[in-house]
Structure formats: C-alpha cells, structure tokens
Amino acid sequence: MGGAAATGDGDVMLRLLPSFVAVEAMRQGLDPQMAAQSAIARVTDKYPEFSGAVVALSREGRYGAACHGMESFPFSV
C-alpha cells in the first residue's frame, strides 16, 4: 500500500474518492503509476469534462501521477 492525494474539482472528488481508489489499487498489487491512472479513469468515465490529478506513492518509495483536463501535472517527490 501507500498513500495518494488528489486535486481538481472537489465536488467530483468527494463523489468518487480517487485518492482512496488509488490506495486500494496499490493494495491489490498495482504499481503507483497504474493506480493513479486507474483512479483518474474512474472519474473521467463518469465526468469526461473533469479537470484534476492524482499522485500516488508506495511504501517502497515508488511513485506515479495521472491527470485529466490539463496539459501536464508537474509534481515533486
């Protein structure tokens, strides 16, 4: 497992909990990059106009991020 954080349209985030989805995906064996992409895909399936991002970090220090509705999502580790 690990942790995750999300930013973007807060109203949509509260409905679909992408940070929780990313952490659960890592718990089930996905790497952080795939977990973040999975969480964003879940949001965009329901809200294609959504703008936001998810950053995920495993206990081992691996990390990943995914975004939608923006050109890029710079982040620091």
C-alpha atoms as a PDB file:
ATOM      1  CA  MET A   1       0.000   0.000   0.000  1.00  0.00           C
ATOM      2  CA  GLY A   2       0.948   3.628   0.362  1.00  0.00           C
ATOM      3  CA  GLY A   3      -0.758   6.977   0.104  1.00  0.00           C
ATOM      4  CA  ALA A   4      -2.355   9.196  -2.505  1.00  0.00           C
ATOM      5  CA  ALA A   5      -3.522  12.774  -2.917  1.00  0.00           C
ATOM      6  CA  ALA A   6      -5.870  14.334  -5.427  1.00  0.00           C
ATOM      7  CA  THR A   7      -6.508  17.841  -6.687  1.00  0.00           C
ATOM      8  CA  GLY A   8      -9.058  19.319  -9.018  1.00  0.00           C
ATOM      9  CA  ASP A   9     -12.835  19.598  -8.987  1.00  0.00           C
ATOM     10  CA  GLY A  10     -13.538  18.967  -5.304  1.00  0.00           C
ATOM     11  CA  ASP A  11     -17.237  18.248  -5.759  1.00  0.00           C
ATOM     12  CA  VAL A  12     -16.439  15.419  -8.179  1.00  0.00           C
ATOM     13  CA  MET A  13     -13.591  14.194  -5.968  1.00  0.00           C
ATOM     14  CA  LEU A  14     -15.909  13.865  -2.969  1.00  0.00           C
ATOM     15  CA  ARG A  15     -18.293  11.728  -5.005  1.00  0.00           C
ATOM     16  CA  LEU A  16     -15.726   9.288  -6.404  1.00  0.00           C
ATOM     17  CA  LEU A  17     -12.810   9.357  -3.895  1.00  0.00           C
ATOM     18  CA  PRO A  18      -9.909   8.960  -6.356  1.00  0.00           C
ATOM     19  CA  SER A  19      -7.256   9.016  -3.590  1.00  0.00           C
ATOM     20  CA  PHE A  20      -8.964   6.091  -1.889  1.00  0.00           C
ATOM     21  CA  VAL A  21      -9.316   4.293  -5.224  1.00  0.00           C
ATOM     22  CA  ALA A  22      -5.579   4.704  -5.910  1.00  0.00           C
ATOM     23  CA  VAL A  23      -4.570   3.362  -2.486  1.00  0.00           C
ATOM     24  CA  GLU A  24      -6.931   0.401  -2.839  1.00  0.00           C
ATOM     25  CA  ALA A  25      -5.483  -0.323  -6.295  1.00  0.00           C
ATOM     26  CA  MET A  26      -1.974  -0.388  -4.800  1.00  0.00           C
ATOM     27  CA  ARG A  27      -3.233  -2.684  -2.030  1.00  0.00           C
ATOM     28  CA  GLN A  28      -4.393  -5.051  -4.753  1.00  0.00           C
ATOM     29  CA  GLY A  29      -0.957  -5.029  -6.397  1.00  0.00           C
ATOM     30  CA  LEU A  30      -0.948  -2.197  -8.947  1.00  0.00           C
ATOM     31  CA  ASP A  31       2.129  -0.002  -9.076  1.00  0.00           C
ATOM     32  CA  PRO A  32       1.566   3.685  -8.149  1.00  0.00           C
ATOM     33  CA  GLN A  33       1.512   4.882 -11.773  1.00  0.00           C
ATOM     34  CA  MET A  34      -1.169   2.398 -12.779  1.00  0.00           C
ATOM     35  CA  ALA A  35      -3.090   3.072  -9.565  1.00  0.00           C
ATOM     36  CA  ALA A  36      -3.175   6.826 -10.287  1.00  0.00           C
ATOM     37  CA  GLN A  37      -4.259   6.207 -13.878  1.00  0.00           C
ATOM     38  CA  SER A  38      -6.965   3.819 -12.694  1.00  0.00           C
ATOM     39  CA  ALA A  39      -8.321   6.405 -10.246  1.00  0.00           C
ATOM     40  CA  ILE A  40      -8.415   9.151 -12.893  1.00  0.00           C
ATOM     41  CA  ALA A  41     -10.082   6.785 -15.382  1.00  0.00           C
ATOM     42  CA  ARG A  42     -12.820   6.034 -12.860  1.00  0.00           C
ATOM     43  CA  VAL A  43     -13.551   9.761 -12.547  1.00  0.00           C
ATOM     44  CA  THR A  44     -13.438  10.513 -16.274  1.00  0.00           C
ATOM     45  CA  ASP A  45     -15.768   7.602 -17.055  1.00  0.00           C
ATOM     46  CA  LYS A  46     -18.499   9.451 -15.161  1.00  0.00           C
ATOM     47  CA  TYR A  47     -17.333  13.063 -15.682  1.00  0.00           C
ATOM     48  CA  PRO A  48     -15.487  13.430 -19.025  1.00  0.00           C
ATOM     49  CA  GLU A  49     -15.155  17.212 -18.572  1.00  0.00           C
ATOM     50  CA  PHE A  50     -13.395  16.727 -15.215  1.00  0.00           C
ATOM     51  CA  SER A  51     -10.109  18.514 -14.577  1.00  0.00           C
ATOM     52  CA  GLY A  52      -7.809  17.121 -11.911  1.00  0.00           C
ATOM     53  CA  ALA A  53      -4.925  14.870 -10.937  1.00  0.00           C
ATOM     54  CA  VAL A  54      -3.868  12.084  -8.573  1.00  0.00           C
ATOM     55  CA  VAL A  55      -0.400  11.425  -7.129  1.00  0.00           C
ATOM     56  CA  ALA A  56       0.313   8.018  -5.562  1.00  0.00           C
ATOM     57  CA  LEU A  57       3.287   6.801  -3.507  1.00  0.00           C
ATOM     58  CA  SER A  58       4.034   3.267  -2.364  1.00  0.00           C
ATOM     59  CA  ARG A  59       5.637   2.313   0.961  1.00  0.00           C
ATOM     60  CA  GLU A  60       8.734   1.353  -1.004  1.00  0.00           C
ATOM     61  CA  GLY A  61       9.096   4.867  -2.417  1.00  0.00           C
ATOM     62  CA  ARG A  62       7.778   4.207  -5.919  1.00  0.00           C
ATOM     63  CA  TYR A  63       5.508   6.929  -7.230  1.00  0.00           C
ATOM     64  CA  GLY A  64       3.230   7.848 -10.101  1.00  0.00           C
ATOM     65  CA  ALA A  65       0.775  10.515 -11.168  1.00  0.00           C
ATOM     66  CA  ALA A  66      -2.031  10.917 -13.652  1.00  0.00           C
ATOM     67  CA  CYS A  67      -4.099  13.894 -14.752  1.00  0.00           C
ATOM     68  CA  HIS A  68      -7.029  14.751 -16.973  1.00  0.00           C
ATOM     69  CA  GLY A  69      -8.222  18.051 -18.394  1.00  0.00           C
ATOM     70  CA  MET A  70      -4.822  19.718 -18.166  1.00  0.00           C
ATOM     71  CA  GLU A  71      -1.776  19.625 -20.385  1.00  0.00           C
ATOM     72  CA  SER A  72       0.532  18.349 -17.646  1.00  0.00           C
ATOM     73  CA  PHE A  73       0.696  17.957 -13.895  1.00  0.00           C
ATOM     74  CA  PRO A  74       4.133  18.812 -12.506  1.00  0.00           C
ATOM     75  CA  PHE A  75       4.847  17.443  -9.032  1.00  0.00           C
ATOM     76  CA  SER A  76       7.830  16.879  -6.736  1.00  0.00           C
ATOM     77  CA  VAL A  77       8.856  13.776  -4.822  1.00  0.00           C
END
